[in-house]
Protein backbone atom coordinates (compact mmCIF):
# COMPACT_ATOMS: atom_id res chain seq x y z
CA MET A 1 17.31 -53.23 -111.20
CA SER A 2 13.78 -53.74 -109.90
CA ILE A 3 12.80 -52.95 -106.32
CA MET A 4 11.76 -56.60 -106.04
CA ASN A 5 15.39 -57.66 -106.49
CA LEU A 6 16.85 -55.45 -103.76
CA ASP A 7 18.33 -57.45 -100.88
CA CYS A 8 16.68 -55.57 -98.02
CA LYS A 9 18.14 -57.98 -95.42
CA LYS A 10 21.74 -57.74 -96.60
CA TYR A 11 21.96 -53.95 -96.54
CA ASN A 12 21.11 -51.28 -94.04
CA ILE A 13 18.36 -48.98 -95.23
CA THR A 14 17.62 -45.33 -94.57
CA ASP A 15 15.72 -42.30 -95.82
CA ASN A 16 18.27 -39.97 -94.17
CA SER A 17 21.25 -39.13 -96.39
CA LYS A 18 23.37 -38.40 -93.29
CA GLU A 19 23.21 -42.11 -92.38
CA VAL A 20 24.38 -43.38 -95.78
CA ASP A 21 27.54 -45.45 -96.18
CA LYS A 22 28.73 -48.17 -98.57
CA ASN A 23 26.42 -50.71 -96.97
CA THR A 24 23.27 -48.58 -96.82
CA ILE A 25 20.52 -48.24 -99.42
CA PHE A 26 19.14 -44.70 -99.59
CA PHE A 27 15.43 -44.12 -100.21
CA ALA A 28 14.63 -40.66 -101.56
CA VAL A 29 11.40 -39.95 -99.72
CA LYS A 30 9.46 -36.69 -99.83
CA GLY A 31 8.73 -35.54 -96.28
CA THR A 32 6.70 -32.68 -94.82
CA SER A 33 9.61 -30.22 -94.91
CA LYS A 34 12.33 -31.81 -97.09
CA ASP A 35 12.45 -33.93 -100.23
CA GLY A 36 14.91 -36.82 -100.21
CA HIS A 37 15.34 -36.44 -103.97
CA ASP A 38 17.38 -33.32 -103.23
CA PHE A 39 19.95 -35.48 -101.43
CA ILE A 40 20.50 -38.18 -104.05
CA ASP A 41 23.88 -36.72 -105.08
CA GLU A 42 25.05 -36.75 -101.45
CA ALA A 43 23.99 -40.39 -101.04
CA ILE A 44 25.80 -41.40 -104.24
CA GLU A 45 28.96 -39.57 -103.15
CA LYS A 46 28.86 -41.42 -99.81
CA GLY A 47 28.87 -44.73 -101.64
CA ALA A 48 25.26 -45.91 -101.36
CA PRO A 49 25.08 -49.27 -103.19
CA TYR A 50 21.58 -48.37 -104.39
CA VAL A 51 19.34 -45.32 -104.35
CA VAL A 52 15.58 -45.80 -104.60
CA ALA A 53 13.76 -42.79 -106.03
CA GLU A 54 10.68 -41.71 -107.95
CA HIS A 55 12.68 -39.63 -110.42
CA THR A 56 16.19 -38.37 -111.17
CA ASP A 57 17.70 -36.01 -113.72
CA LYS A 58 21.03 -37.86 -113.80
CA ASP A 59 22.02 -41.19 -115.31
CA TYR A 60 23.23 -43.05 -112.21
CA LYS A 61 23.68 -46.79 -112.70
CA ASN A 62 22.57 -47.70 -109.19
CA ILE A 63 19.26 -45.79 -109.22
CA VAL A 64 16.11 -47.91 -108.76
CA LEU A 65 13.04 -46.02 -109.93
CA VAL A 66 9.69 -46.68 -108.27
CA GLU A 67 6.24 -45.14 -108.40
CA ASP A 68 6.13 -44.39 -104.64
CA SER A 69 9.43 -44.33 -102.77
CA LYS A 70 7.73 -43.99 -99.39
CA LYS A 71 5.80 -47.22 -99.92
CA ALA A 72 8.92 -48.90 -101.27
CA PHE A 73 10.81 -47.80 -98.16
CA GLY A 74 8.18 -49.38 -95.91
CA GLU A 75 8.20 -52.61 -97.90
CA CYS A 76 11.99 -52.84 -97.70
CA VAL A 77 12.01 -52.03 -93.97
CA LYS A 78 9.48 -54.80 -93.35
CA LYS A 79 11.67 -57.29 -95.22
CA HIS A 80 14.79 -56.04 -93.42
CA PHE A 81 13.19 -56.94 -90.08
CA ASP A 82 11.96 -60.30 -91.44
CA ASN A 83 8.22 -59.51 -91.61
CA PRO A 84 7.59 -59.48 -87.83
CA ASP A 85 3.97 -58.33 -88.20
CA GLU A 86 3.09 -61.66 -89.79
CA SER A 87 4.09 -63.52 -86.63
CA LEU A 88 2.14 -61.26 -84.26
CA LYS A 89 -1.46 -60.24 -83.75
CA VAL A 90 -1.05 -56.52 -84.41
CA ILE A 91 -4.06 -54.48 -83.29
CA GLY A 92 -4.19 -50.92 -84.63
CA VAL A 93 -6.39 -48.38 -82.84
CA THR A 94 -7.16 -45.06 -84.52
CA GLY A 95 -9.51 -42.17 -83.72
CA THR A 96 -9.34 -38.70 -82.19
CA ASN A 97 -9.96 -39.70 -78.58
CA GLY A 98 -9.69 -42.96 -76.68
CA LYS A 99 -6.69 -44.53 -78.41
CA THR A 100 -4.51 -44.72 -75.30
CA SER A 101 -7.26 -46.06 -73.06
CA THR A 102 -8.39 -48.62 -75.64
CA THR A 103 -4.88 -49.98 -76.26
CA HIS A 104 -4.35 -50.36 -72.51
CA ILE A 105 -7.70 -52.07 -71.93
CA ILE A 106 -7.04 -54.45 -74.83
CA HIS A 107 -3.62 -55.22 -73.40
CA ALA A 108 -5.08 -55.88 -69.94
CA ILE A 109 -7.71 -58.30 -71.28
CA LEU A 110 -5.56 -60.16 -73.80
CA SER A 111 -2.81 -60.53 -71.19
CA GLN A 112 -5.08 -62.98 -69.38
CA LYS A 113 -4.13 -65.51 -72.08
CA TYR A 114 -1.25 -64.04 -74.04
CA LYS A 115 1.87 -61.89 -73.72
CA GLY A 116 1.79 -58.53 -75.42
CA ALA A 117 3.17 -55.08 -76.13
CA ILE A 118 1.80 -51.55 -76.24
CA ILE A 119 2.93 -48.89 -78.74
CA GLY A 120 1.46 -45.47 -78.10
CA THR A 121 1.47 -41.95 -76.74
CA MET A 122 2.82 -42.71 -73.27
CA TYR A 123 5.52 -45.24 -74.08
CA TYR A 124 6.48 -48.29 -76.09
CA LYS A 125 6.09 -51.23 -73.72
CA LEU A 126 7.49 -54.59 -74.86
CA GLY A 127 6.69 -57.05 -72.13
CA ASP A 128 8.55 -55.65 -69.11
CA GLU A 129 10.73 -53.30 -71.18
CA ILE A 130 9.59 -49.68 -71.43
CA ILE A 131 10.99 -47.37 -74.11
CA GLU A 132 10.38 -43.61 -74.23
CA ALA A 133 7.91 -42.63 -76.97
CA PRO A 134 8.84 -39.49 -78.94
CA ASN A 135 5.75 -39.99 -81.16
CA THR A 136 2.38 -41.67 -80.67
CA THR A 137 3.18 -43.83 -83.69
CA PRO A 138 6.90 -44.07 -84.52
CA GLY A 139 8.53 -43.82 -87.94
CA VAL A 140 8.43 -46.92 -90.10
CA LYS A 141 11.94 -48.14 -89.20
CA THR A 142 11.29 -47.82 -85.48
CA TRP A 143 7.83 -49.35 -85.94
CA PHE A 144 9.07 -52.54 -87.57
CA ASN A 145 12.07 -52.66 -85.22
CA LEU A 146 9.66 -52.63 -82.26
CA LEU A 147 7.57 -55.38 -83.85
CA SER A 148 10.76 -57.36 -84.45
CA LYS A 149 11.77 -56.99 -80.78
CA ALA A 150 8.27 -58.07 -79.71
CA LYS A 151 8.64 -61.16 -81.87
CA GLU A 152 12.12 -61.90 -80.45
CA LYS A 153 10.75 -61.61 -76.91
CA GLY A 154 8.15 -64.25 -77.71
CA LEU A 155 5.21 -61.86 -77.42
CA ASP A 156 1.91 -62.75 -79.03
CA PHE A 157 0.23 -59.43 -79.74
CA VAL A 158 0.85 -55.70 -80.08
CA SER A 159 -1.80 -53.17 -79.10
CA ALA A 160 -0.89 -49.97 -80.93
CA GLU A 161 -2.14 -46.43 -81.36
CA VAL A 162 -2.10 -45.43 -85.02
CA SER A 163 -2.31 -41.67 -85.49
CA SER A 164 -3.66 -39.81 -88.51
CA HIS A 165 -0.21 -38.33 -89.11
CA ALA A 166 1.27 -41.84 -89.16
CA LEU A 167 -1.33 -43.05 -91.65
CA ASP A 168 -0.86 -40.02 -93.88
CA GLN A 169 2.92 -40.44 -93.77
CA LEU A 170 2.82 -44.24 -94.20
CA ARG A 171 4.70 -44.84 -90.94
CA VAL A 172 3.11 -48.28 -90.48
CA TYR A 173 2.97 -49.29 -94.16
CA PRO A 174 2.66 -52.18 -95.13
CA THR A 175 1.81 -53.80 -91.78
CA LYS A 176 -0.48 -56.81 -91.76
CA PHE A 177 -2.90 -56.15 -88.90
CA PHE A 178 -4.98 -58.71 -87.06
CA ALA A 179 -7.57 -56.08 -86.12
CA THR A 180 -8.18 -52.38 -86.73
CA ILE A 181 -10.31 -50.26 -84.40
CA PHE A 182 -12.01 -46.89 -84.93
CA THR A 183 -12.96 -44.98 -81.75
CA ASN A 184 -14.36 -41.64 -83.00
CA LEU A 185 -13.50 -38.54 -85.00
CA THR A 186 -13.80 -34.99 -83.69
CA GLN A 187 -11.92 -31.78 -84.42
CA ASP A 188 -8.17 -32.01 -83.99
CA HIS A 189 -4.99 -31.65 -86.07
CA LEU A 190 -6.62 -29.30 -88.60
CA ASP A 191 -3.34 -27.37 -88.67
CA TYR A 192 -2.02 -30.43 -90.51
CA HIS A 193 -5.04 -31.93 -92.29
CA LYS A 194 -6.79 -28.57 -93.03
CA THR A 195 -10.30 -30.07 -93.26
CA MET A 196 -12.28 -32.70 -91.35
CA GLU A 197 -12.73 -34.66 -94.57
CA ASN A 198 -8.95 -34.85 -95.06
CA TYR A 199 -8.61 -35.88 -91.42
CA PHE A 200 -11.22 -38.61 -91.88
CA ASN A 201 -9.60 -39.87 -95.06
CA ALA A 202 -6.28 -40.20 -93.24
CA LYS A 203 -7.97 -42.37 -90.60
CA ARG A 204 -9.83 -44.28 -93.31
CA ARG A 205 -6.52 -45.46 -94.74
CA LEU A 206 -6.16 -47.93 -91.86
CA PHE A 207 -9.28 -49.72 -93.10
CA LYS A 208 -8.79 -49.20 -96.84
CA ASP A 209 -5.06 -49.70 -97.46
CA TYR A 210 -4.10 -52.44 -95.00
CA GLN A 211 -4.73 -56.14 -94.55
CA TYR A 212 -6.67 -57.19 -91.43
CA ASP A 213 -9.00 -59.95 -90.27
CA VAL A 214 -11.59 -57.75 -88.57
CA CYS A 215 -12.35 -54.07 -87.97
CA VAL A 216 -14.10 -52.88 -84.82
CA ILE A 217 -16.07 -49.66 -85.29
CA ASN A 218 -17.91 -47.19 -83.04
CA ILE A 219 -21.24 -47.04 -84.88
CA ASP A 220 -22.53 -44.16 -82.72
CA ASP A 221 -19.98 -41.87 -84.41
CA GLU A 222 -21.05 -40.33 -87.74
CA TYR A 223 -17.68 -41.13 -89.30
CA GLY A 224 -17.84 -44.61 -87.81
CA LYS A 225 -21.13 -45.16 -89.64
CA ARG A 226 -19.44 -44.18 -92.89
CA LEU A 227 -16.64 -46.66 -92.27
CA TYR A 228 -19.12 -49.40 -91.41
CA GLU A 229 -21.09 -48.87 -94.61
CA GLU A 230 -17.90 -49.14 -96.64
CA PHE A 231 -16.21 -52.01 -94.80
CA LYS A 232 -19.14 -53.91 -93.29
CA ASP A 233 -17.97 -57.24 -94.74
CA LYS A 234 -15.20 -57.31 -92.14
CA ALA A 235 -16.73 -55.03 -89.52
CA ILE A 236 -18.21 -55.56 -86.07
CA THR A 237 -19.66 -52.59 -84.22
CA TYR A 238 -20.19 -51.24 -80.72
CA GLY A 239 -22.14 -48.35 -79.22
CA TYR A 240 -25.45 -47.45 -77.61
CA SER A 241 -27.18 -47.92 -80.97
CA LYS A 242 -29.58 -50.86 -81.18
CA ASP A 243 -27.86 -51.75 -84.47
CA ALA A 244 -24.50 -52.37 -82.76
CA HIS A 245 -23.15 -55.90 -82.49
CA LEU A 246 -22.23 -55.03 -78.89
CA GLN A 247 -24.92 -52.71 -77.58
CA ILE A 248 -24.04 -50.69 -74.49
CA GLU A 249 -26.96 -50.53 -72.06
CA TYR A 250 -25.41 -48.23 -69.43
CA PHE A 251 -22.25 -47.37 -67.55
CA ASN A 252 -22.86 -46.77 -63.84
CA GLN A 253 -20.01 -44.46 -62.79
CA GLU A 254 -20.75 -44.65 -59.09
CA ASP A 255 -20.56 -48.45 -58.93
CA LYS A 256 -18.28 -48.68 -61.98
CA LEU A 257 -20.47 -51.21 -63.76
CA LEU A 258 -20.72 -51.61 -67.54
CA SER A 259 -23.82 -53.36 -68.86
CA PHE A 260 -24.17 -54.44 -72.49
CA TYR A 261 -25.87 -56.89 -74.84
CA TYR A 262 -23.99 -59.24 -77.13
CA LYS A 263 -25.68 -61.89 -79.27
CA ASN A 264 -28.97 -61.34 -77.40
CA LYS A 265 -27.38 -61.96 -74.01
CA ARG A 266 -26.96 -59.33 -71.31
CA TYR A 267 -23.70 -58.94 -69.38
CA THR A 268 -22.66 -56.66 -66.54
CA LEU A 269 -18.95 -56.25 -65.79
CA LYS A 270 -17.12 -54.35 -63.08
CA THR A 271 -14.24 -51.99 -63.77
CA ASN A 272 -11.87 -49.67 -61.90
CA LEU A 273 -11.96 -47.01 -64.59
CA MET A 274 -13.64 -43.65 -64.18
CA GLY A 275 -15.25 -41.55 -66.89
CA ALA A 276 -18.41 -42.07 -68.92
CA PHE A 277 -16.31 -42.01 -72.11
CA GLN A 278 -14.57 -45.20 -70.94
CA ALA A 279 -17.77 -47.12 -71.72
CA TYR A 280 -16.84 -46.83 -75.40
CA ASN A 281 -13.18 -47.75 -74.91
CA MET A 282 -14.07 -50.77 -72.79
CA SER A 283 -16.76 -51.86 -75.26
CA ALA A 284 -14.35 -51.77 -78.21
CA SER A 285 -11.88 -53.88 -76.23
CA ILE A 286 -14.51 -56.33 -74.99
CA LEU A 287 -15.97 -56.77 -78.48
CA LEU A 288 -12.54 -57.60 -79.91
CA SER A 289 -11.94 -60.05 -77.07
CA LEU A 290 -15.27 -61.76 -77.69
CA TYR A 291 -14.40 -62.01 -81.38
CA MET A 292 -11.19 -63.76 -80.26
CA ASP A 293 -13.27 -66.26 -78.23
CA PHE A 294 -12.29 -64.93 -74.80
CA ASP A 295 -14.78 -65.96 -72.15
CA ILE A 296 -16.46 -63.40 -69.92
CA GLU A 297 -14.47 -64.47 -66.85
CA ASP A 298 -11.16 -63.66 -68.58
CA ILE A 299 -12.56 -60.35 -69.81
CA GLN A 300 -13.75 -59.48 -66.31
CA ASN A 301 -10.37 -60.37 -64.81
CA GLY A 302 -8.64 -58.29 -67.45
CA LEU A 303 -10.76 -55.23 -66.71
CA LEU A 304 -10.13 -55.52 -62.97
CA SER A 305 -6.38 -55.94 -63.52
CA LEU A 306 -6.27 -52.37 -64.82
CA SER A 307 -6.48 -50.04 -61.82
CA SER A 308 -6.16 -46.82 -63.85
CA ILE A 309 -4.62 -45.32 -66.97
CA PRO A 310 -2.12 -42.51 -66.29
CA GLY A 311 -3.52 -39.13 -67.20
CA ARG A 312 -6.92 -40.48 -68.20
CA PHE A 313 -9.42 -39.29 -65.58
CA GLU A 314 -6.75 -39.95 -62.96
CA THR A 315 -7.98 -38.84 -59.55
CA ILE A 316 -6.24 -37.58 -56.40
CA ASP A 317 -8.12 -36.64 -53.20
CA ILE A 318 -6.97 -33.63 -51.16
CA ASN A 319 -8.93 -32.79 -48.00
CA GLY A 320 -12.33 -33.57 -49.50
CA VAL A 321 -11.45 -32.08 -52.91
CA LYS A 322 -11.26 -34.49 -55.83
CA VAL A 323 -8.61 -33.55 -58.38
CA VAL A 324 -8.93 -35.03 -61.88
CA ILE A 325 -5.93 -35.08 -64.22
CA ASP A 326 -6.76 -35.77 -67.86
CA TYR A 327 -5.16 -35.54 -71.28
CA ALA A 328 -8.25 -33.94 -72.91
CA HIS A 329 -6.98 -31.35 -75.38
CA THR A 330 -9.74 -31.22 -78.00
CA PRO A 331 -13.19 -29.60 -77.75
CA ASP A 332 -14.98 -32.96 -77.76
CA ALA A 333 -12.67 -34.53 -75.20
CA LEU A 334 -12.89 -31.51 -72.90
CA GLU A 335 -16.70 -31.51 -73.12
CA LYS A 336 -16.92 -35.21 -72.25
CA LEU A 337 -14.39 -34.79 -69.46
CA LEU A 338 -16.27 -31.91 -67.82
CA LYS A 339 -19.64 -33.63 -68.13
CA THR A 340 -18.19 -36.72 -66.51
CA ALA A 341 -16.60 -34.64 -63.75
CA ARG A 342 -19.88 -32.81 -63.16
CA ALA A 343 -21.56 -36.15 -62.46
CA ILE A 344 -19.25 -36.70 -59.45
CA THR A 345 -19.22 -33.08 -58.28
CA LYS A 346 -21.03 -32.34 -55.01
CA SER A 347 -20.33 -28.62 -55.08
CA ARG A 348 -18.33 -26.59 -57.61
CA LEU A 349 -16.47 -27.72 -60.73
CA ILE A 350 -13.18 -25.89 -61.31
CA CYS A 351 -11.36 -26.34 -64.62
CA VAL A 352 -7.70 -25.53 -65.35
CA PHE A 353 -6.79 -25.74 -69.02
CA GLY A 354 -4.91 -24.21 -71.94
CA ALA A 355 -4.20 -25.07 -75.57
CA GLY A 356 -1.10 -26.16 -77.42
CA GLY A 357 0.91 -23.70 -79.48
CA ASN A 358 1.56 -24.06 -83.22
CA ARG A 359 -1.46 -26.30 -83.58
CA ASP A 360 -5.05 -25.87 -84.79
CA LYS A 361 -6.06 -22.39 -83.59
CA THR A 362 -9.75 -22.81 -84.43
CA LYS A 363 -10.33 -25.19 -81.53
CA ARG A 364 -9.13 -22.69 -78.91
CA PRO A 365 -12.29 -20.51 -78.64
CA LYS A 366 -14.41 -23.66 -78.80
CA MET A 367 -12.58 -25.08 -75.80
CA GLY A 368 -12.97 -21.76 -73.99
CA LYS A 369 -16.71 -21.77 -74.59
CA ILE A 370 -17.04 -25.37 -73.38
CA ALA A 371 -15.00 -24.78 -70.22
CA SER A 372 -16.87 -21.61 -69.30
CA GLU A 373 -20.29 -23.19 -69.84
CA LEU A 374 -19.66 -26.52 -68.13
CA SER A 375 -17.54 -25.47 -65.15
CA ASP A 376 -18.31 -23.07 -62.31
CA ILE A 377 -14.82 -21.58 -62.37
CA SER A 378 -12.43 -21.77 -65.31
CA ILE A 379 -8.76 -20.91 -65.03
CA ILE A 380 -7.02 -20.39 -68.36
CA THR A 381 -3.30 -21.09 -68.42
CA SER A 382 -0.43 -22.28 -70.57
CA ASP A 383 -0.19 -25.80 -72.03
CA ASN A 384 2.68 -26.51 -74.44
CA PRO A 385 3.08 -23.05 -76.02
CA ARG A 386 5.90 -24.28 -78.26
CA PHE A 387 6.97 -21.27 -80.36
CA GLU A 388 3.89 -19.13 -79.65
CA GLU A 389 3.52 -16.60 -76.86
CA PRO A 390 1.32 -18.09 -74.10
CA MET A 391 -0.78 -14.93 -73.81
CA ASP A 392 -1.56 -15.00 -77.54
CA ILE A 393 -2.96 -18.51 -77.11
CA ILE A 394 -4.93 -17.45 -74.04
CA LYS A 395 -6.41 -14.51 -76.01
CA ASP A 396 -7.60 -16.97 -78.67
CA ILE A 397 -9.28 -19.08 -75.97
CA LEU A 398 -10.97 -15.98 -74.51
CA LYS A 399 -12.64 -15.25 -77.87
CA GLY A 400 -15.05 -18.10 -77.19
CA ILE A 401 -15.97 -17.05 -73.65
CA ASP A 402 -18.79 -14.74 -72.65
CA SER A 403 -17.05 -11.95 -70.71
CA SER A 404 -19.78 -12.20 -68.06
CA LYS A 405 -18.47 -15.69 -67.21
CA GLY A 406 -15.39 -14.03 -65.70
CA PRO A 407 -12.66 -16.64 -66.27
CA MET A 408 -9.48 -16.41 -64.25
CA ILE A 409 -6.19 -16.07 -66.13
CA GLU A 410 -2.84 -17.34 -64.86
CA GLU A 411 -0.20 -17.79 -67.55
CA ASP A 412 2.12 -19.84 -65.30
CA ARG A 413 0.70 -23.40 -65.24
CA ARG A 414 2.27 -24.23 -61.88
CA LYS A 415 0.65 -21.16 -60.32
CA ALA A 416 -2.65 -21.89 -62.06
CA ILE A 417 -2.81 -25.36 -60.53
CA ALA A 418 -1.95 -23.95 -57.08
CA LEU A 419 -4.61 -21.26 -57.52
CA ALA A 420 -7.27 -23.85 -58.32
CA LEU A 421 -6.34 -25.94 -55.30
CA ASP A 422 -6.22 -22.86 -53.05
CA ILE A 423 -9.77 -21.80 -53.90
CA ALA A 424 -11.21 -25.33 -53.89
CA LYS A 425 -13.38 -26.30 -50.94
CA GLU A 426 -14.63 -29.63 -49.68
CA GLY A 427 -17.00 -31.19 -52.21
CA ASP A 428 -15.42 -29.38 -55.17
CA VAL A 429 -13.87 -31.15 -58.14
CA VAL A 430 -10.79 -29.63 -59.79
CA VAL A 431 -10.16 -30.74 -63.37
CA ILE A 432 -6.67 -30.16 -64.77
CA ALA A 433 -6.92 -30.78 -68.51
CA GLY A 434 -4.64 -30.95 -71.49
CA LYS A 435 -1.42 -32.68 -70.49
CA GLY A 436 -2.41 -35.81 -68.58
CA HIS A 437 0.56 -38.18 -68.43
CA GLU A 438 3.02 -35.70 -69.97
CA ASP A 439 5.96 -34.75 -67.77
CA TYR A 440 7.17 -31.71 -69.69
CA GLN A 441 6.24 -28.32 -71.05
CA GLU A 442 7.55 -27.41 -74.49
CA ILE A 443 8.61 -23.76 -74.69
CA LYS A 444 10.60 -22.20 -77.55
CA GLY A 445 11.87 -25.57 -78.73
CA VAL A 446 12.96 -26.74 -75.26
CA LYS A 447 11.19 -29.36 -73.14
CA TYR A 448 11.19 -28.43 -69.45
CA HIS A 449 10.24 -31.01 -66.83
CA PHE A 450 6.69 -30.39 -65.66
CA SER A 451 4.01 -32.78 -64.47
CA ASP A 452 0.46 -31.84 -63.47
CA LYS A 453 0.33 -34.88 -61.22
CA GLU A 454 3.58 -34.01 -59.47
CA GLU A 455 2.36 -30.46 -58.84
CA VAL A 456 -0.84 -31.79 -57.26
CA LEU A 457 1.04 -34.28 -55.10
CA LYS A 458 3.50 -31.58 -53.94
CA TYR A 459 0.54 -29.41 -52.97
CA LYS A 460 -1.02 -32.30 -51.10
CA ILE A 461 2.17 -32.93 -49.11
CA ASN A 462 2.45 -29.26 -48.17
CA THR A 463 -1.14 -28.88 -46.95
C-alpha cells in the first residue's frame, strides 16, 4: 500500500508504540534518543492495522515503506485533523530572541479586526481558553490539534513561536503558513545544534521548506540579510537600515514612542512596552499588519491594548527601586537587557542571573563577562540547574569575569533576589534575568514552584 492511500481520518495515528491498538496506525519515527523502527514488532503484536516505516527486516504485509517517516507522520496528522492550517492565517515567528513578544504584539494588533490564538513559550491561548505549554512549539499531533481547535472556535489567525528544535524535528511539518517572521539569530542551543551554521539552517527551514505568502525579516541581523538574499521574492524587511521596507527612525523609551518610515511616509506610534529591543518586535508586527492592509489607527489601538508582556522587561517599583524581571538567558539578550536597564537607571544597576543546566556551556562565561561589565553589582545564582550542580554552573560563569569586578555569589535564587533588594537604594535598578514568566525551578528532574515575580512581590509586601 502507498502512503497516499492510508485513511488518516479513519484511524488514530501515533509515533508511540505504547499507544498502539487495532485502530491506530504506527509511524516508526527516529527521535533524538529512540528509534521507532525498534518498536515495529511491538506495534504489530498490538494489532496496528498499518505500520509506516523507512525500512524493515521482516516481511510484514501491513508495512508501508516511505522515504521519510517523520514527514509522512506530519502529513497524516494534518489530514487526520482535516487540514486546519488551510482555514487559518498561521503566522510563524522564529529567531533566538523576541519570539514571545512578537507573537503577542501581532495578536494584539490583529485582534482589532480578527479573533486569534497564540502558541508559544508561556502558554497556548485559543481565544479565552489557556492551555499549559510544556514546549515552546508542541509536537506535531498537539500542533495540528491546537490548530483544529482554533478552527472549531471560529478563530481567524494563529500567532505562533516556532523554535529551532521544532523545525529540526519537523514538529510543524507540513503546515501552510500565511506569514513567516525572522527576528534575529545569536548564540543559543549549541548543546543541540553544535554550530551556529547548523542553528541557522534549522531556522532557515521555516523559509525554505514551508508554503507561505510573505516572510518578514530583520535585515539588521547578519543572518536576516542572508535569508533576505535567498528569499527576497517573498520578503519584506524591517530594521534601522535605510534598505528596510519599514525603517525604524528611533524608539524613545522615556515617552514610549516608536517612529518609523514606511513607503516614504513617517509615522510615530505610542506603546506601553519597555525595552529598546521591543522596537524590533513592534516593527516586525507593524510591518506584517501593514502588509495585511491594517490602517494606522487599528495598529495604534492594538499596541496600546497590550499593557505588558509577562517576564519581558516587566517592572515593579519598591520604595524608589525599579525591579525588572526578564526572560533573557542568552549573551545577546542579557546584553540588550542590561543596556536598556542602564538607560533608565539613575544610580546603580544590580543584576541577578544564572544559567541553565545541561545546556550550552560556552555561553556561561560570556554572560558572566557581560553582566560584570554592564552592571555595577552582579549577583550570580542558580537558574534551572536541571541535573547539574548549581555551583558547577556558577564556576563556569565566573570564568568570564575579571576577579577585580568582585561579583557576589548566592546559590539559592530566593536568597539572591532578597540580597539584591536588600542592598538596593532609591534610584537603583535591579534586573532579575533568566526566568521571566517561568513559575518553577527544575532541579534533578523535578520542577519546584518558584517565581521571580512572586518573590519580588512578597518582598514588597514585607517592607
